[in-house]
Protein backbone atom coordinates (compact mmCIF):
# COMPACT_ATOMS: atom_id res chain seq x y z
CA MET A 1 52.41 -61.55 -15.71
CA LEU A 2 50.94 -60.36 -19.01
CA GLU A 3 47.92 -62.61 -18.51
CA VAL A 4 47.28 -61.11 -15.04
CA LYS A 5 47.32 -57.61 -16.48
CA ASN A 6 44.89 -58.64 -19.20
CA GLN A 7 42.51 -60.05 -16.58
CA LEU A 8 42.69 -57.24 -14.04
CA PHE A 9 43.67 -54.17 -16.10
CA LYS A 10 41.21 -54.26 -18.97
CA PRO A 11 41.34 -51.52 -21.63
CA LEU A 12 38.69 -48.82 -21.98
CA LEU A 13 36.87 -49.18 -25.29
CA ARG A 14 35.90 -45.48 -25.37
CA ARG A 15 38.26 -42.66 -24.48
CA PRO A 16 37.24 -40.38 -21.57
CA ALA A 17 35.65 -37.03 -22.43
CA ALA A 18 37.77 -34.07 -21.28
CA ILE A 19 35.74 -31.31 -19.58
CA THR A 20 36.04 -28.71 -16.83
CA VAL A 21 33.79 -28.45 -13.79
CA THR A 22 33.69 -25.47 -11.44
CA VAL A 23 33.71 -25.86 -7.67
CA ARG A 24 30.21 -24.30 -7.68
CA GLU A 25 28.97 -27.01 -10.07
CA LEU A 26 30.72 -29.68 -8.02
CA LEU A 27 28.90 -28.59 -4.84
CA THR A 28 25.53 -28.50 -6.60
CA LYS A 29 26.01 -31.95 -8.08
CA ALA A 30 27.22 -33.41 -4.77
CA LEU A 31 24.18 -32.16 -2.83
CA ALA A 32 21.86 -33.41 -5.59
CA GLY A 33 23.36 -36.91 -5.40
CA GLU A 34 24.89 -36.57 -8.86
CA ILE A 35 28.37 -37.34 -7.54
CA ARG A 36 28.86 -40.72 -5.85
CA ILE A 37 31.73 -42.78 -4.43
CA PRO A 38 32.10 -46.34 -5.81
CA ASN A 39 32.69 -49.32 -3.51
CA PHE A 40 36.23 -49.86 -4.72
CA GLN A 41 37.45 -46.46 -3.50
CA ARG A 42 39.96 -46.50 -0.67
CA PRO A 43 39.10 -44.88 2.71
CA LEU A 44 39.38 -41.13 3.25
CA ARG A 45 42.84 -40.29 4.52
CA TRP A 46 43.05 -36.53 4.34
CA ARG A 47 43.62 -34.52 7.50
CA SER A 48 42.53 -30.97 8.24
CA GLU A 49 45.81 -29.50 6.97
CA ASN A 50 45.26 -31.18 3.58
CA VAL A 51 41.85 -29.49 3.32
CA VAL A 52 43.32 -26.08 4.15
CA ASP A 53 46.14 -26.54 1.62
CA LEU A 54 43.64 -27.42 -1.12
CA LEU A 55 41.50 -24.35 -0.43
CA ASP A 56 44.56 -22.11 -0.34
CA SER A 57 45.81 -23.52 -3.64
CA ILE A 58 42.44 -22.95 -5.32
CA TRP A 59 42.23 -19.38 -3.99
CA ARG A 60 45.72 -18.68 -5.32
CA GLY A 61 44.81 -20.21 -8.69
CA TYR A 62 47.28 -23.06 -8.44
CA PRO A 63 46.65 -26.32 -10.35
CA VAL A 64 45.23 -29.00 -8.04
CA GLY A 65 45.11 -31.93 -10.44
CA SER A 66 42.35 -33.41 -12.55
CA LEU A 67 39.33 -35.52 -11.58
CA LEU A 68 38.13 -38.72 -13.20
CA PHE A 69 34.46 -39.69 -13.15
CA TRP A 70 32.54 -42.76 -14.27
CA LYS A 71 29.14 -41.87 -15.73
CA ARG A 72 26.44 -44.37 -14.80
CA PRO A 73 23.10 -44.54 -12.95
CA ALA A 74 22.95 -44.24 -9.15
CA PRO A 75 20.13 -45.40 -6.84
CA GLN A 76 18.29 -43.44 -4.17
CA ASP A 77 20.52 -43.66 -1.13
CA SER A 78 21.95 -42.09 2.01
CA ILE A 79 25.42 -41.09 0.90
CA ARG A 80 28.35 -39.83 2.96
CA ILE A 81 29.97 -36.48 2.28
CA GLY A 82 32.89 -36.38 4.67
CA ASN A 83 31.27 -37.62 7.87
CA ALA A 84 27.81 -36.29 7.02
CA HIS A 85 24.96 -38.55 5.92
CA HIS A 86 22.91 -37.01 3.12
CA GLN A 87 19.77 -38.48 1.58
CA VAL A 88 19.69 -38.24 -2.22
CA PRO A 89 17.33 -39.45 -4.99
CA ASP A 90 18.11 -41.86 -7.81
CA VAL A 91 20.08 -40.29 -10.66
CA ALA A 92 20.19 -41.56 -14.24
CA ASP A 93 23.65 -40.25 -15.13
CA ALA A 94 25.59 -39.72 -11.90
CA TRP A 95 29.33 -39.16 -11.80
CA TRP A 96 31.13 -41.80 -9.74
CA VAL A 97 34.56 -40.63 -8.54
CA VAL A 98 37.35 -42.84 -9.86
CA ASP A 99 40.19 -40.41 -9.11
CA GLY A 100 39.99 -37.30 -6.90
CA GLN A 101 37.87 -38.61 -4.02
CA GLN A 102 39.88 -36.78 -1.35
CA ARG A 103 39.70 -33.43 -3.19
CA ALA A 104 36.02 -33.72 -4.14
CA THR A 105 35.09 -34.72 -0.58
CA ALA A 106 37.14 -31.90 0.97
CA LEU A 107 35.36 -29.29 -1.17
CA ALA A 108 31.85 -30.69 -0.69
CA ALA A 109 32.25 -31.24 3.05
CA SER A 110 33.92 -27.92 3.91
CA LEU A 111 31.89 -25.58 1.66
CA THR A 112 28.41 -26.87 2.55
CA GLU A 113 26.39 -26.74 5.76
CA LEU A 114 26.08 -30.49 6.21
CA ASP A 115 26.41 -31.77 9.79
CA GLN A 116 29.81 -33.45 9.98
CA ALA A 117 28.96 -35.13 13.32
CA GLY A 118 32.01 -33.83 15.13
CA ASP A 119 34.55 -34.69 12.41
CA SER A 120 36.68 -31.53 12.50
CA ARG A 121 38.74 -32.46 9.44
CA TRP A 122 36.21 -30.74 7.20
CA LEU A 123 35.77 -27.56 9.28
CA ALA A 124 37.79 -24.51 8.26
CA HIS A 125 37.56 -20.73 8.22
CA TYR A 126 39.10 -17.79 6.39
CA ASN A 127 40.85 -14.94 8.21
CA PRO A 128 40.43 -11.77 6.08
CA GLU A 129 43.04 -9.90 8.14
CA THR A 130 45.87 -12.36 7.49
CA GLU A 131 44.29 -13.63 4.24
CA GLN A 132 44.77 -17.22 5.35
CA PHE A 133 42.65 -20.36 5.57
CA ASN A 134 42.77 -22.12 8.95
CA SER A 135 41.46 -25.42 10.29
CA GLY A 136 38.46 -25.56 12.61
CA LEU A 137 35.74 -23.03 13.37
CA PRO A 138 36.48 -19.40 14.33
CA SER A 139 37.27 -18.81 18.00
CA PRO A 140 34.41 -17.21 20.03
CA ASP A 141 36.08 -13.79 20.00
CA ARG A 142 36.34 -13.83 16.17
CA LEU A 143 32.92 -15.13 15.18
CA LEU A 144 32.11 -11.85 13.37
CA ILE A 145 35.56 -11.54 11.74
CA ASP A 146 36.66 -14.96 10.50
CA VAL A 147 34.42 -16.50 7.84
CA PRO A 148 33.40 -20.18 8.23
CA LEU A 149 34.03 -22.06 4.99
CA SER A 150 30.41 -23.21 4.92
CA GLN A 151 29.41 -19.55 4.41
CA LEU A 152 31.75 -19.18 1.44
CA GLY A 153 30.09 -22.09 -0.34
CA ASP A 154 26.87 -20.21 -1.14
CA LEU A 155 26.17 -16.60 -2.23
CA ARG A 156 23.09 -16.18 -0.05
CA ARG A 157 24.70 -17.66 3.03
CA LEU A 158 27.66 -15.34 2.70
CA GLY A 159 25.33 -12.35 2.12
CA ARG A 160 23.51 -13.06 5.39
CA TRP A 161 26.81 -13.49 7.22
CA LEU A 162 28.22 -10.21 5.86
CA ARG A 163 25.15 -8.26 7.04
CA ASN A 164 26.04 -9.07 10.67
CA CYS A 165 29.85 -9.16 10.49
CA ALA A 166 32.36 -6.73 12.01
CA LEU A 167 34.48 -6.31 8.86
CA THR A 168 35.34 -3.08 7.07
CA GLU A 169 33.90 -2.52 3.62
CA LYS A 170 37.30 -3.27 2.09
CA GLN A 171 37.50 -6.56 3.98
CA MET A 172 33.96 -7.51 2.93
CA ASN A 173 34.86 -6.87 -0.71
CA HIS A 174 37.93 -9.05 -0.24
CA VAL A 175 35.84 -11.89 1.25
CA GLU A 176 33.44 -11.72 -1.71
CA GLU A 177 36.43 -11.93 -4.06
CA VAL A 178 37.72 -14.98 -2.18
CA GLN A 179 34.34 -16.65 -2.55
CA GLN A 180 34.24 -15.91 -6.28
CA ARG A 181 37.73 -17.30 -6.79
CA LEU A 182 36.78 -20.47 -4.92
CA LEU A 183 33.42 -21.12 -6.55
CA ASP A 184 34.45 -20.18 -10.09
CA TYR A 185 37.64 -22.24 -10.02
CA ALA A 186 37.48 -24.73 -12.91
CA LEU A 187 38.88 -28.20 -12.29
CA PRO A 188 39.92 -30.27 -15.30
CA ALA A 189 38.02 -33.54 -15.37
CA TYR A 190 37.55 -36.67 -17.46
CA VAL A 191 34.23 -38.49 -17.73
CA VAL A 192 34.26 -42.17 -18.72
CA GLU A 193 31.21 -43.94 -20.14
CA THR A 194 31.54 -47.74 -20.03
CA ASP A 195 29.63 -50.78 -18.85
CA ASP A 196 32.85 -52.58 -17.94
CA GLU A 197 33.36 -51.99 -14.22
CA GLN A 198 36.55 -54.07 -14.14
CA ALA A 199 38.17 -51.67 -16.58
CA LEU A 200 37.37 -48.79 -14.21
CA ARG A 201 38.75 -50.74 -11.26
CA GLY A 202 41.97 -51.21 -13.20
CA VAL A 203 42.15 -47.48 -13.96
CA PHE A 204 41.64 -46.70 -10.27
CA ALA A 205 44.29 -49.17 -9.11
CA ARG A 206 46.80 -47.93 -11.71
CA LEU A 207 46.25 -44.25 -10.86
CA ASN A 208 46.62 -44.84 -7.15
CA SER A 209 49.61 -47.16 -7.39
CA THR A 210 51.86 -44.24 -8.34
CA GLY A 211 52.79 -41.40 -6.02
CA ALA A 212 51.19 -42.25 -2.66
CA ARG A 213 51.22 -45.98 -3.38
CA MET A 214 48.11 -47.93 -2.43
CA ARG A 215 48.48 -50.66 0.16
CA ALA A 216 48.11 -54.25 -1.02
CA ASP A 217 44.68 -54.56 0.63
CA GLU A 218 43.48 -51.40 -1.15
CA VAL A 219 44.58 -52.72 -4.54
CA PHE A 220 42.81 -56.02 -3.84
CA GLN A 221 39.63 -54.29 -2.63
CA ALA A 222 39.59 -52.10 -5.73
CA LEU A 223 40.15 -54.90 -8.24
CA LEU A 224 38.48 -57.92 -6.65
CA GLY A 225 37.12 -57.14 -3.21
CA ALA A 226 34.39 -54.51 -3.29
CA PRO A 227 30.94 -55.62 -4.50
CA SER A 228 30.50 -55.29 -8.25
CA SER A 229 27.43 -54.15 -10.12
CA HIS A 230 27.78 -57.32 -12.20
CA SER A 231 28.16 -59.77 -9.32
CA SER A 232 26.73 -60.13 -5.81
CA VAL A 233 29.60 -62.45 -4.81
CA SER A 234 32.89 -60.84 -3.85
CA LEU A 235 35.74 -61.23 -1.42
CA ASP A 236 34.89 -57.94 0.25
CA LEU A 237 37.65 -57.32 2.79
CA ASP A 238 35.42 -55.05 4.86
CA GLN A 239 32.70 -57.69 5.17
CA LEU A 240 35.18 -60.43 6.04
CA GLN A 241 36.80 -58.12 8.57
CA ALA A 242 33.42 -57.50 10.23
CA ALA A 243 32.69 -61.25 10.30
CA CYS A 244 35.69 -61.72 12.62
CA ASP A 245 34.26 -59.46 15.31
CA LEU A 246 32.66 -62.29 17.28
CA ASN A 247 31.89 -61.64 20.95
CA GLY A 248 34.03 -58.52 20.97
CA PHE A 249 37.07 -60.09 19.27
CA GLY A 250 37.61 -56.90 17.26
CA LEU A 251 38.49 -56.23 13.63
CA PRO A 252 41.73 -57.69 12.27
CA PRO A 253 43.52 -55.20 9.98
CA ARG A 254 42.37 -55.47 6.38
CA SER A 255 45.94 -56.31 5.42
CA GLU A 256 45.75 -59.41 7.64
CA ILE A 257 42.41 -60.40 6.10
CA LEU A 258 43.99 -60.18 2.65
CA LYS A 259 46.92 -62.35 3.75
CA ALA A 260 44.45 -64.85 5.18
CA ILE A 261 42.61 -64.97 1.84
CA LEU A 262 45.85 -65.57 -0.03
CA ALA A 263 46.95 -68.25 2.45
CA MET A 264 43.57 -70.01 2.21
CA SER A 265 43.88 -69.89 -1.56
CA GLY A 266 47.32 -71.53 -1.51
CA LEU A 267 49.02 -68.30 -2.62
CA ASP A 268 51.96 -66.48 -1.05
CA PRO A 269 50.61 -64.08 1.63
CA SER A 270 53.70 -61.89 1.40
CA ARG A 271 53.25 -61.01 -2.30
CA ARG A 272 51.25 -58.20 -3.89
CA LEU A 273 48.30 -59.14 -6.06
CA GLU A 274 49.95 -58.23 -9.37
CA GLN A 275 52.99 -60.39 -8.47
CA LEU A 276 51.09 -63.61 -7.87
CA GLY A 277 50.70 -64.96 -11.39
CA ALA A 278 47.95 -65.45 -13.92
CA ARG A 279 45.85 -67.82 -11.81
CA THR A 280 45.28 -65.28 -9.02
CA SER A 281 41.73 -64.19 -9.75
CA LEU A 282 40.70 -67.71 -10.73
CA GLU A 283 41.93 -69.60 -7.66
CA LEU A 284 40.87 -67.35 -4.81
CA VAL A 285 38.86 -68.94 -2.04
CA ASN A 286 35.06 -68.80 -2.17
CA PRO A 287 33.70 -65.89 -0.04
CA ASP A 288 31.45 -68.13 2.06
CA GLU A 289 34.29 -70.57 2.74
CA ALA A 290 36.59 -67.66 3.60
CA ARG A 291 34.07 -66.28 6.08
CA GLU A 292 33.58 -69.70 7.68
CA SER A 293 37.32 -70.30 7.98
CA LEU A 294 37.88 -66.88 9.56
CA THR A 295 35.12 -67.35 12.11
CA ARG A 296 36.50 -70.79 12.99
CA THR A 297 39.90 -69.14 13.47
CA VAL A 298 38.46 -66.54 15.82
CA ASP A 299 36.55 -69.16 17.79
CA PHE A 300 39.73 -71.26 18.12
CA LEU A 301 41.77 -68.29 19.36
CA ARG A 302 39.15 -67.44 21.96
CA SER A 303 38.23 -70.94 23.11
CA TYR A 304 41.49 -72.90 22.88
CA CYS A 305 44.18 -70.21 23.09
CA ASP A 306 42.54 -67.81 25.59
CA VAL A 307 43.07 -64.83 23.28
CA PRO A 308 39.93 -62.68 23.68
CA HIS A 309 40.86 -59.89 21.26
CA VAL A 310 42.71 -59.58 17.96
CA SER A 311 45.07 -56.94 19.40
CA LEU A 312 46.37 -59.52 21.90
CA ILE A 313 47.47 -62.22 19.42
CA PRO A 314 51.18 -62.44 20.31
CA TYR A 315 52.34 -62.70 16.71
CA PRO A 316 49.71 -61.68 14.09
CA VAL A 317 51.26 -64.04 11.49
CA VAL A 318 49.49 -66.97 13.16
CA PHE A 319 46.13 -65.46 12.23
CA TYR A 320 46.47 -66.23 8.53
CA ILE A 321 48.32 -69.49 9.12
CA LEU A 322 45.36 -70.59 11.25
CA ALA A 323 42.91 -69.31 8.62
CA ARG A 324 44.52 -71.72 6.14
CA TRP A 325 44.36 -74.51 8.73
CA PHE A 326 40.62 -74.11 9.21
CA PHE A 327 40.09 -73.78 5.46
CA ILE A 328 41.93 -77.05 4.78
CA HIS A 329 40.91 -78.87 7.99
CA PRO A 330 37.58 -77.31 9.09
CA ASP A 331 36.48 -80.25 11.26
CA SER A 332 39.57 -80.77 13.40
CA GLU A 333 38.95 -82.82 16.53
CA PRO A 334 39.37 -81.27 20.03
CA ALA A 335 42.57 -83.27 20.63
CA THR A 336 44.06 -81.82 17.45
CA LEU A 337 43.00 -78.31 18.38
CA ARG A 338 44.67 -78.62 21.78
CA VAL A 339 47.95 -79.56 20.09
CA LEU A 340 47.48 -76.72 17.60
CA SER A 341 47.09 -74.38 20.57
CA GLN A 342 50.39 -75.67 21.97
CA TRP A 343 52.00 -74.96 18.59
CA LEU A 344 50.75 -71.37 18.80
CA TRP A 345 52.03 -70.81 22.34
CA GLN A 346 55.38 -72.54 21.86
CA GLY A 347 56.02 -70.45 18.75
CA ALA A 348 54.96 -67.29 20.58
CA HIS A 349 57.23 -68.02 23.54
CA ASN A 350 60.38 -68.88 21.59
CA GLY A 351 59.88 -66.40 18.74
CA SER A 352 59.25 -68.94 15.98
CA HIS A 353 56.25 -66.89 14.82
CA GLN A 354 58.09 -63.63 14.36
CA ARG A 355 56.89 -61.81 11.26
CA ALA A 356 60.48 -61.04 10.31
CA GLU A 357 61.03 -64.68 9.39
CA VAL A 358 59.09 -64.46 6.12
CA SER A 359 60.48 -67.68 4.67
CA ARG A 360 59.36 -69.61 7.75
CA MET A 361 55.89 -68.10 7.47
CA ARG A 362 55.64 -69.24 3.83
CA GLU A 363 56.80 -72.71 4.79
CA GLN A 364 54.17 -72.98 7.52
CA VAL A 365 51.43 -71.96 5.09
CA ARG A 366 52.65 -74.66 2.68
CA ASP A 367 52.88 -77.19 5.53
CA ILE A 368 49.09 -77.21 5.83
CA GLN A 369 47.92 -79.57 3.11
CA SER A 370 44.71 -81.42 2.42
CA GLY A 371 44.36 -85.02 3.52
CA ASP A 372 45.74 -86.16 6.86
CA ASP A 373 45.51 -83.23 9.30
CA GLN A 374 48.00 -84.93 11.65
CA ARG A 375 50.73 -84.80 9.02
CA SER A 376 50.05 -81.10 8.57
CA LEU A 377 50.29 -80.70 12.32
CA ASP A 378 53.56 -82.64 12.46
CA ARG A 379 55.04 -80.35 9.82
CA LEU A 380 54.01 -77.25 11.76
CA LEU A 381 55.47 -78.61 15.00
CA SER A 382 58.76 -79.42 13.27
CA ARG A 383 59.22 -75.72 12.46
CA LEU A 384 59.32 -74.71 16.14
CA SER A 385 62.58 -73.87 17.84
CA ARG A 386 63.43 -76.30 20.61
CA GLY A 387 64.99 -75.91 24.04
CA VAL A 388 63.96 -75.17 27.61
CA PRO A 389 62.50 -71.64 27.83
CA PRO A 390 64.49 -69.30 30.08
CA ARG A 391 62.99 -67.49 33.07
CA TRP A 392 60.64 -64.72 31.91
CA GLN A 393 62.24 -61.29 31.62
CA LEU A 394 60.23 -58.10 32.05
CA ARG A 395 60.92 -55.57 29.30
CA ARG A 396 59.56 -52.14 28.43
CA PHE A 397 55.79 -52.51 28.06
CA ASN A 398 54.48 -51.89 24.56
CA LEU A 399 51.29 -53.59 23.43
CA LYS A 400 52.70 -53.84 19.89
CA SER A 401 55.25 -56.37 21.14
CA ALA A 402 54.60 -60.09 21.63
CA ASN A 403 56.07 -60.02 25.14
CA SER A 404 53.69 -57.32 26.34
CA ARG A 405 50.71 -59.06 24.75
CA ILE A 406 51.62 -62.28 26.56
CA GLU A 407 51.96 -60.36 29.83
CA THR A 408 48.56 -58.74 29.26
CA LEU A 409 46.97 -62.15 28.64
CA ALA A 410 48.59 -63.45 31.83
CA LEU A 411 47.12 -60.51 33.77
CA LEU A 412 43.73 -61.19 32.18
CA SER A 413 43.95 -64.84 33.24
CA GLN A 414 43.85 -63.67 36.88
CA GLY A 415 40.24 -62.55 36.37
CA PRO A 416 40.82 -58.85 37.18
CA ARG A 417 37.90 -57.11 38.87
CA ASP A 418 36.89 -54.00 40.77
CA LYS A 419 34.08 -53.35 43.22
CA LEU A 420 31.55 -53.40 40.40
CA GLY A 421 32.57 -56.86 39.22
CA PRO A 422 34.84 -58.50 36.61
CA ILE A 423 36.80 -56.30 34.19
CA SER A 424 35.66 -56.89 30.62
CA PRO A 425 38.50 -57.57 28.14
CA GLU A 426 36.29 -56.17 25.38
CA GLU A 427 35.84 -52.85 27.21
CA LEU A 428 39.55 -52.60 27.95
CA THR A 429 40.63 -53.23 24.37
CA SER A 430 37.98 -50.94 22.88
CA SER A 431 39.09 -48.09 25.15
CA GLY A 432 42.60 -48.17 23.68
CA ARG A 433 44.14 -48.17 27.18
CA VAL A 434 44.44 -51.84 28.02
CA ALA A 435 47.09 -51.74 30.75
CA ARG A 436 47.55 -48.55 32.77
CA GLU A 437 50.50 -47.38 34.86
CA ILE A 438 50.17 -47.62 38.65
CA VAL A 439 53.15 -45.45 39.61
CA PRO A 440 52.85 -42.42 37.27
CA SER A 441 55.85 -41.22 35.30
CA SER A 442 55.83 -37.98 37.31
CA LYS A 443 57.10 -40.06 40.30
CA TRP A 444 59.83 -41.95 38.45
CA ASN A 445 62.49 -39.41 39.39
CA LEU A 446 62.15 -40.74 42.97
CA LEU A 447 63.08 -44.27 41.92
CA SER A 448 66.38 -46.10 41.87
CA ASP A 449 67.85 -46.88 38.45
CA GLU A 450 66.70 -50.51 38.68
CA SER A 451 63.19 -49.47 39.70
CA LYS A 452 62.98 -47.00 36.83
CA ILE A 453 63.42 -49.93 34.45
CA LEU A 454 60.69 -51.87 36.27
CA ALA A 455 58.41 -48.82 36.10
CA THR A 456 58.39 -49.09 32.29
CA SER A 457 57.42 -52.77 32.43
CA ALA A 458 54.33 -54.83 33.19
CA ALA A 459 55.30 -54.70 36.88
CA ASN A 460 53.83 -51.21 36.82
CA ARG A 461 50.71 -52.05 34.79
CA VAL A 462 47.21 -52.98 35.88
CA LEU A 463 44.06 -53.83 33.92
CA LEU A 464 41.49 -51.28 35.09
CA HIS A 465 38.99 -49.09 33.23
CA ASP A 466 39.48 -45.36 32.73
CA VAL A 467 36.66 -44.78 35.25
CA HIS A 468 39.35 -45.24 37.89
CA THR A 469 40.98 -41.82 37.63
CA GLY A 470 44.06 -41.22 39.76
CA LEU A 471 44.84 -44.91 39.49
CA ARG A 472 47.34 -45.16 42.35
CA SER A 473 44.96 -43.34 44.72
CA ALA A 474 42.08 -45.57 43.61
CA ILE A 475 44.11 -48.70 44.43
CA CYS A 476 45.18 -47.24 47.79
CA ASP A 477 41.52 -46.72 48.66
CA TRP A 478 41.08 -50.49 48.69
CA ARG A 479 41.50 -52.21 52.06
CA TRP A 480 42.98 -55.49 53.15
CA PRO A 481 41.34 -57.95 53.81
CA GLU A 482 37.96 -56.44 52.78
CA ASP A 483 39.13 -56.04 49.18
CA GLU A 484 41.60 -58.93 49.18
CA ASP A 485 39.98 -60.72 46.22
CA ILE A 486 40.03 -57.54 44.12
CA LEU A 487 43.67 -56.77 44.90
CA GLU A 488 44.83 -60.33 44.30
CA SER A 489 43.04 -60.36 40.95
CA HIS A 490 45.54 -57.64 39.99
CA LEU A 491 48.52 -59.47 41.54
CA ILE A 492 48.74 -56.95 44.38
CA SER A 493 49.55 -58.51 47.76
CA GLU A 494 49.05 -57.01 51.21
CA SER A 495 52.74 -56.06 51.46
CA GLN A 496 52.62 -54.45 47.99
CA LEU A 497 49.56 -52.44 48.97
CA GLU A 498 51.24 -51.17 52.13
CA SER A 499 54.34 -50.16 50.14
CA LEU A 500 52.16 -48.27 47.68
CA LYS A 501 50.29 -46.45 50.46
CA VAL A 502 53.51 -45.16 52.06
CA ASN A 503 54.97 -44.20 48.65
CA ASP A 504 57.71 -46.83 48.83
CA PHE A 505 57.57 -47.28 45.08
CA ASP A 506 60.88 -49.14 44.85
CA GLN A 507 59.63 -51.84 47.19
CA PHE A 508 56.25 -52.02 45.47
CA LEU A 509 57.75 -52.44 41.97
CA HIS A 510 60.23 -55.13 43.05
CA LEU A 511 57.53 -57.13 44.83
CA ARG A 512 55.04 -56.85 42.01
CA ALA A 513 57.66 -57.64 39.36
CA GLU A 514 58.15 -61.03 41.01
CA SER A 515 54.37 -61.59 41.11
CA VAL A 516 53.98 -60.72 37.44
CA ILE A 517 56.88 -62.95 36.38
CA GLN A 518 55.42 -65.89 38.30
CA ALA A 519 51.98 -65.28 36.79
CA VAL A 520 53.35 -65.12 33.23
CA GLU A 521 55.37 -68.31 33.69
CA ALA A 522 52.36 -70.12 35.16
CA PHE A 523 50.20 -68.85 32.28
CA LEU A 524 52.69 -70.09 29.69
CA ASN A 525 53.48 -73.42 31.39
CA LYS A 526 49.79 -74.25 31.37
CA ARG A 527 49.57 -73.59 27.62
CA LEU A 528 52.97 -74.70 26.34
CA GLY A 529 52.57 -78.32 27.39
CA LEU A 530 56.35 -78.80 27.47
CA ASN A 531 56.26 -81.33 30.29
CA ARG A 532 53.22 -83.19 28.99
CA PRO A 533 52.93 -85.62 26.08
CA LEU A 534 51.13 -84.45 22.96
CA ILE A 535 47.81 -86.29 22.99
CA ARG A 536 46.53 -86.85 19.45
CA PRO A 537 43.21 -88.35 18.32
CA ALA A 538 42.98 -92.13 18.68
CA ARG A 539 43.12 -92.65 14.91
CA TYR A 540 46.59 -91.10 14.87
CA TYR A 541 48.02 -93.93 16.94
CA GLN A 542 46.12 -96.51 14.86
CA ASP A 543 47.70 -95.08 11.71
CA LEU A 544 51.15 -95.36 13.30
CA SER A 545 50.64 -99.00 14.21
CA ASP A 546 49.54 -99.76 10.66
CA GLU A 547 52.70 -98.35 9.10
């Protein structure tokens, strides 16, 4: 453990210089490109209420914490201040924010006139009547009373605004006092001068691992992931995440990318970086090999497992188990991949891949070893629970659950379409509304108790774009047999359609529940291979005969 800390948390050779910087100076430096955000910083998380609380605290003279900057050159660039893109020149001695990114961004974004491109987090105004800061812009009827924060960030801007406002002289004097208290507020700050970027990454990770604890992927990105000024090679989680978005597959969570890296590296995916031992930074997978293994994983999920999007993987744990497989066995033969697909679906159906079973996940990662890929496959298959799967049961639909993801994939396998053509899985998943309710919740009070349960399930879900507003009415506009192929692609029969048209929702839900159950079972039976022998590559049987 001590050796890990020495590698990742290196000491600063020169102590930081303690200074103060006013909000006015901070704004000037930010607009001039003299304040920058390093690659290892975590994403912005503040919401509008955090911005308002900060401004209120500064106005009241409350302490708001210190800032920590890293003094080093910065290139000409288009930087982001909040959600605004701002072109700045190269700077010889810029301040790079090591601690205080959220506060510095909130001040620079809210008190300047930069275009935030619709990101309302950074928009606020001051009400001189209630003496309160509020989120958003002033309402139309108070445009000449409430002061936008962007006006308070500059003396001239506020002067122009006051000339046209509807405030009393006393209120105008108060607004000027508020501006002075904001702009003259002095924040304590430390400025570090060092050429050792790893030492700064360690400072950042240590500061942000207390209080609001950083997630494991944020610690990794800070210490080892983000590109370094000393090296062009890094396991950048953001870049590896983007590499997975093949043909609309989507972006796996960064936490899953990190677990995949650890699994590929032969490390425990469930452990935090600082818990993994001294060899951690030395034994991590090569970035190019990691990218290749991840893209092979995505291609396998799409081509062999019929999973078109990351959000539809029944149990996400298989993502990093598969990443290790394709790192260790990158050239697996089609026969092996078909068996590996059966392993995925059998584990999804019987719950063997549940994330809760951490020890089983670790064992499956260790099961994948170099050498004979068939032995690795045998070990994975031996971990699966056995037994004949029961008849499929419809439960409350929730796309975060494995059951609902399997049901969605079964509905997708029907080739859903509308009058414009096939429904794109990529468009559905990107919209955030993958499966929509047919019988709206406003009608559920008309249902029997049994039907109310079905109304919460996949029996009441259909894969159609948001362009179809008033979904039940849109479906009822279709005609049988003219639109038979469209309706059947959504598992809606002629009798179901007639029930829906006469508002017999109980009948509709019971009929469609049976259709959905049959479709899910057919979908799974095709992929589970329970009644078919496992066909391995020919060399597998040769090896057996030689033993």
